[in-house]
Amino acid sequence: MDKLTIFKSLSNEARLQILDWLKDPFAHFDPQEGIDLVEVGVCVSQITNKLNMTQSTASQYLSTLQKAGLIKSTRIGKWTYYKRDEEVIKNLGIFIQTEL
């Protein structure tokens, strides 16, 4: 876990909002036919719409979170789906509790 990369990725309100939404995707996103929001994730287009930003900006934010290891992506056909990496987030919490 590269802690500096993680903390840098968390220094943006929109990226924090994405992580919050992905914590409980059913509360924040419409169901997607044939896609389990928890197991597979949320489509990039739904995240982009909710952010009310351009696709390129949303994709950049998602890429930053993915490089930090906080989210995972799954590609199905032409669509990419994102979900949180709960293990990394849990380990970050442990690090904060024990080291900071």
N, C-alpha and C. Protein backbone atom coordinates (compact mmCIF):
# COMPACT_ATOMS: atom_id res chain seq x y z
N MET A 1 0.86 -1.18 0.00
CA MET A 1 0.00 0.00 0.00
C MET A 1 0.90 1.24 0.00
N ASP A 2 0.82 2.03 -1.05
CA ASP A 2 1.56 3.29 -1.15
C ASP A 2 0.72 4.38 -0.48
N LYS A 3 1.03 4.63 0.78
CA LYS A 3 0.22 5.55 1.57
C LYS A 3 0.19 6.97 1.01
N LEU A 4 1.32 7.44 0.50
CA LEU A 4 1.36 8.80 -0.04
C LEU A 4 0.42 8.93 -1.24
N THR A 5 0.41 7.95 -2.14
CA THR A 5 -0.49 7.97 -3.29
C THR A 5 -1.93 7.93 -2.83
N ILE A 6 -2.22 7.13 -1.83
CA ILE A 6 -3.59 7.04 -1.31
C ILE A 6 -4.02 8.38 -0.73
N PHE A 7 -3.19 8.97 0.11
CA PHE A 7 -3.58 10.24 0.73
C PHE A 7 -3.72 11.36 -0.30
N LYS A 8 -2.88 11.37 -1.31
CA LYS A 8 -3.02 12.36 -2.38
C LYS A 8 -4.35 12.16 -3.11
N SER A 9 -4.72 10.91 -3.35
CA SER A 9 -5.97 10.65 -4.07
C SER A 9 -7.18 11.06 -3.23
N LEU A 10 -7.03 11.07 -1.93
CA LEU A 10 -8.14 11.45 -1.05
C LEU A 10 -8.24 12.96 -0.84
N SER A 11 -7.34 13.72 -1.43
CA SER A 11 -7.30 15.16 -1.21
C SER A 11 -8.20 15.94 -2.17
N ASN A 12 -9.19 15.28 -2.72
CA ASN A 12 -10.11 15.91 -3.66
C ASN A 12 -11.54 15.56 -3.26
N GLU A 13 -12.38 16.56 -3.15
CA GLU A 13 -13.76 16.34 -2.68
C GLU A 13 -14.55 15.40 -3.59
N ALA A 14 -14.39 15.53 -4.90
CA ALA A 14 -15.13 14.67 -5.82
C ALA A 14 -14.68 13.21 -5.70
N ARG A 15 -13.39 12.98 -5.52
CA ARG A 15 -12.91 11.60 -5.36
C ARG A 15 -13.41 11.00 -4.05
N LEU A 16 -13.44 11.81 -3.00
CA LEU A 16 -14.02 11.34 -1.73
C LEU A 16 -15.50 11.00 -1.92
N GLN A 17 -16.20 11.83 -2.68
CA GLN A 17 -17.63 11.60 -2.93
C GLN A 17 -17.82 10.28 -3.68
N ILE A 18 -16.98 10.00 -4.66
CA ILE A 18 -17.07 8.74 -5.40
C ILE A 18 -16.93 7.56 -4.45
N LEU A 19 -15.94 7.61 -3.57
CA LEU A 19 -15.74 6.52 -2.61
C LEU A 19 -16.96 6.36 -1.70
N ASP A 20 -17.54 7.48 -1.29
CA ASP A 20 -18.73 7.44 -0.44
C ASP A 20 -19.89 6.79 -1.19
N TRP A 21 -20.12 7.19 -2.43
CA TRP A 21 -21.21 6.61 -3.22
C TRP A 21 -21.01 5.11 -3.43
N LEU A 22 -19.77 4.72 -3.70
CA LEU A 22 -19.49 3.30 -3.97
C LEU A 22 -19.57 2.44 -2.71
N LYS A 23 -19.55 3.08 -1.55
CA LYS A 23 -19.69 2.32 -0.29
C LYS A 23 -21.07 1.67 -0.23
N ASP A 24 -22.08 2.36 -0.72
CA ASP A 24 -23.45 1.83 -0.75
C ASP A 24 -24.06 2.17 -2.11
N PRO A 25 -23.67 1.42 -3.15
CA PRO A 25 -24.11 1.78 -4.50
C PRO A 25 -25.62 1.75 -4.70
N PHE A 26 -26.33 0.89 -3.98
CA PHE A 26 -27.79 0.81 -4.14
C PHE A 26 -28.48 2.09 -3.67
N ALA A 27 -27.87 2.79 -2.73
CA ALA A 27 -28.46 4.03 -2.22
C ALA A 27 -28.20 5.21 -3.15
N HIS A 28 -27.21 5.09 -4.03
CA HIS A 28 -26.80 6.25 -4.82
C HIS A 28 -26.93 6.09 -6.34
N PHE A 29 -27.13 4.85 -6.80
CA PHE A 29 -27.19 4.61 -8.24
C PHE A 29 -28.39 3.73 -8.59
N ASP A 30 -28.90 3.94 -9.79
CA ASP A 30 -30.00 3.12 -10.29
C ASP A 30 -29.49 1.72 -10.60
N PRO A 31 -30.33 0.71 -10.43
CA PRO A 31 -29.94 -0.65 -10.81
C PRO A 31 -29.59 -0.70 -12.30
N GLN A 32 -28.68 -1.60 -12.63
CA GLN A 32 -28.27 -1.79 -14.02
C GLN A 32 -28.62 -3.22 -14.42
N GLU A 33 -29.34 -3.36 -15.50
CA GLU A 33 -29.83 -4.66 -15.92
C GLU A 33 -28.69 -5.67 -16.06
N GLY A 34 -28.82 -6.76 -15.34
CA GLY A 34 -27.85 -7.84 -15.42
C GLY A 34 -26.54 -7.59 -14.70
N ILE A 35 -26.43 -6.48 -13.97
CA ILE A 35 -25.18 -6.13 -13.28
C ILE A 35 -25.46 -6.02 -11.78
N ASP A 36 -24.68 -6.75 -10.99
CA ASP A 36 -24.75 -6.64 -9.53
C ASP A 36 -23.87 -5.48 -9.11
N LEU A 37 -24.47 -4.42 -8.59
CA LEU A 37 -23.74 -3.21 -8.24
C LEU A 37 -22.66 -3.46 -7.19
N VAL A 38 -22.86 -4.43 -6.31
CA VAL A 38 -21.87 -4.71 -5.27
C VAL A 38 -20.75 -5.60 -5.82
N GLU A 39 -21.11 -6.64 -6.53
CA GLU A 39 -20.11 -7.59 -7.02
C GLU A 39 -19.32 -7.05 -8.21
N VAL A 40 -20.00 -6.43 -9.16
CA VAL A 40 -19.34 -5.96 -10.39
C VAL A 40 -18.95 -4.50 -10.26
N GLY A 41 -19.86 -3.67 -9.79
CA GLY A 41 -19.58 -2.25 -9.63
C GLY A 41 -20.58 -1.39 -10.35
N VAL A 42 -20.26 -0.12 -10.41
CA VAL A 42 -21.13 0.89 -11.01
C VAL A 42 -20.49 1.37 -12.31
N CYS A 43 -21.31 1.50 -13.33
CA CYS A 43 -20.84 1.92 -14.65
C CYS A 43 -20.27 3.34 -14.59
N VAL A 44 -19.19 3.54 -15.30
CA VAL A 44 -18.55 4.86 -15.34
C VAL A 44 -19.53 5.95 -15.77
N SER A 45 -20.46 5.63 -16.64
CA SER A 45 -21.41 6.66 -17.10
C SER A 45 -22.31 7.12 -15.97
N GLN A 46 -22.70 6.21 -15.07
CA GLN A 46 -23.53 6.62 -13.94
C GLN A 46 -22.75 7.51 -12.97
N ILE A 47 -21.49 7.18 -12.76
CA ILE A 47 -20.65 8.00 -11.88
C ILE A 47 -20.46 9.38 -12.51
N THR A 48 -20.19 9.42 -13.81
CA THR A 48 -20.02 10.68 -14.52
C THR A 48 -21.26 11.55 -14.40
N ASN A 49 -22.43 10.96 -14.61
CA ASN A 49 -23.69 11.72 -14.51
C ASN A 49 -23.90 12.26 -13.11
N LYS A 50 -23.61 11.45 -12.11
CA LYS A 50 -23.83 11.87 -10.72
C LYS A 50 -22.86 12.99 -10.33
N LEU A 51 -21.64 12.94 -10.87
CA LEU A 51 -20.66 13.99 -10.59
C LEU A 51 -21.02 15.29 -11.29
N ASN A 52 -21.82 15.19 -12.36
CA ASN A 52 -22.16 16.34 -13.19
C ASN A 52 -20.89 17.00 -13.75
N MET A 53 -20.01 16.14 -14.26
CA MET A 53 -18.74 16.58 -14.84
C MET A 53 -18.58 15.93 -16.20
N THR A 54 -17.56 16.33 -16.92
CA THR A 54 -17.29 15.70 -18.20
C THR A 54 -16.78 14.28 -17.99
N GLN A 55 -16.94 13.46 -19.01
CA GLN A 55 -16.46 12.08 -18.95
C GLN A 55 -14.96 12.04 -18.70
N SER A 56 -14.21 12.94 -19.32
CA SER A 56 -12.75 12.91 -19.16
C SER A 56 -12.34 13.24 -17.73
N THR A 57 -13.02 14.20 -17.10
CA THR A 57 -12.70 14.55 -15.71
C THR A 57 -13.05 13.40 -14.78
N ALA A 58 -14.23 12.83 -14.95
CA ALA A 58 -14.64 11.70 -14.12
C ALA A 58 -13.68 10.52 -14.30
N SER A 59 -13.30 10.25 -15.53
CA SER A 59 -12.37 9.15 -15.80
C SER A 59 -11.01 9.39 -15.14
N GLN A 60 -10.58 10.64 -15.15
CA GLN A 60 -9.32 10.99 -14.50
C GLN A 60 -9.41 10.75 -12.99
N TYR A 61 -10.52 11.13 -12.38
CA TYR A 61 -10.70 10.91 -10.95
C TYR A 61 -10.72 9.41 -10.63
N LEU A 62 -11.43 8.65 -11.45
CA LEU A 62 -11.49 7.20 -11.24
C LEU A 62 -10.12 6.57 -11.43
N SER A 63 -9.37 7.02 -12.39
CA SER A 63 -8.02 6.52 -12.63
C SER A 63 -7.11 6.79 -11.43
N THR A 64 -7.23 7.98 -10.86
CA THR A 64 -6.43 8.34 -9.68
C THR A 64 -6.76 7.41 -8.51
N LEU A 65 -8.05 7.17 -8.29
CA LEU A 65 -8.45 6.27 -7.20
C LEU A 65 -7.99 4.84 -7.47
N GLN A 66 -8.02 4.43 -8.73
CA GLN A 66 -7.60 3.08 -9.07
C GLN A 66 -6.09 2.93 -8.90
N LYS A 67 -5.31 3.91 -9.31
CA LYS A 67 -3.86 3.86 -9.14
C LYS A 67 -3.48 3.80 -7.67
N ALA A 68 -4.29 4.42 -6.83
CA ALA A 68 -4.05 4.39 -5.38
C ALA A 68 -4.48 3.05 -4.78
N GLY A 69 -5.20 2.25 -5.55
CA GLY A 69 -5.65 0.95 -5.08
C GLY A 69 -6.97 0.98 -4.32
N LEU A 70 -7.64 2.14 -4.29
CA LEU A 70 -8.87 2.28 -3.52
C LEU A 70 -10.09 1.72 -4.23
N ILE A 71 -10.03 1.64 -5.56
CA ILE A 71 -11.12 1.05 -6.33
C ILE A 71 -10.57 0.07 -7.35
N LYS A 72 -11.45 -0.82 -7.78
CA LYS A 72 -11.13 -1.82 -8.81
C LYS A 72 -12.06 -1.60 -9.99
N SER A 73 -11.60 -1.98 -11.16
CA SER A 73 -12.46 -1.87 -12.33
C SER A 73 -12.66 -3.23 -12.98
N THR A 74 -13.82 -3.38 -13.60
CA THR A 74 -14.16 -4.58 -14.37
C THR A 74 -14.71 -4.11 -15.70
N ARG A 75 -14.19 -4.66 -16.77
CA ARG A 75 -14.68 -4.30 -18.10
C ARG A 75 -15.60 -5.40 -18.60
N ILE A 76 -16.80 -5.01 -19.01
CA ILE A 76 -17.77 -5.94 -19.60
C ILE A 76 -18.23 -5.30 -20.91
N GLY A 77 -17.83 -5.93 -22.00
CA GLY A 77 -18.13 -5.35 -23.31
C GLY A 77 -17.44 -4.02 -23.45
N LYS A 78 -18.20 -2.99 -23.79
CA LYS A 78 -17.59 -1.67 -23.96
C LYS A 78 -17.69 -0.81 -22.70
N TRP A 79 -18.23 -1.37 -21.62
CA TRP A 79 -18.45 -0.61 -20.40
C TRP A 79 -17.45 -0.99 -19.32
N THR A 80 -17.07 -0.01 -18.51
CA THR A 80 -16.20 -0.25 -17.36
C THR A 80 -16.99 0.04 -16.09
N TYR A 81 -16.86 -0.86 -15.13
CA TYR A 81 -17.58 -0.77 -13.86
C TYR A 81 -16.56 -0.63 -12.73
N TYR A 82 -16.91 0.17 -11.73
CA TYR A 82 -16.00 0.42 -10.61
C TYR A 82 -16.64 0.06 -9.29
N LYS A 83 -15.80 -0.48 -8.39
CA LYS A 83 -16.23 -0.73 -7.02
C LYS A 83 -15.04 -0.48 -6.10
N ARG A 84 -15.34 -0.30 -4.84
CA ARG A 84 -14.29 -0.07 -3.85
C ARG A 84 -13.50 -1.34 -3.59
N ASP A 85 -12.23 -1.18 -3.24
CA ASP A 85 -11.43 -2.30 -2.76
C ASP A 85 -11.46 -2.22 -1.24
N GLU A 86 -12.39 -2.94 -0.67
CA GLU A 86 -12.64 -2.84 0.78
C GLU A 86 -11.44 -3.27 1.61
N GLU A 87 -10.64 -4.20 1.11
CA GLU A 87 -9.46 -4.66 1.85
C GLU A 87 -8.44 -3.53 1.99
N VAL A 88 -8.20 -2.80 0.93
CA VAL A 88 -7.27 -1.67 0.98
C VAL A 88 -7.79 -0.59 1.91
N ILE A 89 -9.08 -0.30 1.84
CA ILE A 89 -9.67 0.72 2.70
C ILE A 89 -9.59 0.30 4.16
N LYS A 90 -9.85 -0.97 4.43
CA LYS A 90 -9.74 -1.49 5.79
C LYS A 90 -8.31 -1.35 6.31
N ASN A 91 -7.33 -1.73 5.48
CA ASN A 91 -5.93 -1.63 5.88
C ASN A 91 -5.50 -0.18 6.09
N LEU A 92 -6.05 0.73 5.31
CA LEU A 92 -5.76 2.15 5.50
C LEU A 92 -6.29 2.61 6.86
N GLY A 93 -7.49 2.16 7.21
CA GLY A 93 -8.04 2.50 8.53
C GLY A 93 -7.19 1.97 9.66
N ILE A 94 -6.69 0.76 9.51
CA ILE A 94 -5.81 0.16 10.53
C ILE A 94 -4.52 0.97 10.64
N PHE A 95 -3.95 1.35 9.49
CA PHE A 95 -2.74 2.17 9.49
C PHE A 95 -2.97 3.47 10.23
N ILE A 96 -4.09 4.14 9.94
CA ILE A 96 -4.38 5.42 10.58
C ILE A 96 -4.53 5.24 12.10
N GLN A 97 -5.22 4.17 12.51
CA GLN A 97 -5.44 3.92 13.94
C GLN A 97 -4.14 3.59 14.67
N THR A 98 -3.27 2.84 14.03
CA THR A 98 -2.09 2.35 14.74
C THR A 98 -0.83 3.19 14.54
N GLU A 99 -0.74 3.89 13.43
CA GLU A 99 0.51 4.58 13.09
C GLU A 99 0.43 6.10 13.19
N LEU A 100 -0.75 6.66 13.04
CA LEU A 100 -0.84 8.13 13.05
C LEU A 100 -1.40 8.66 14.36
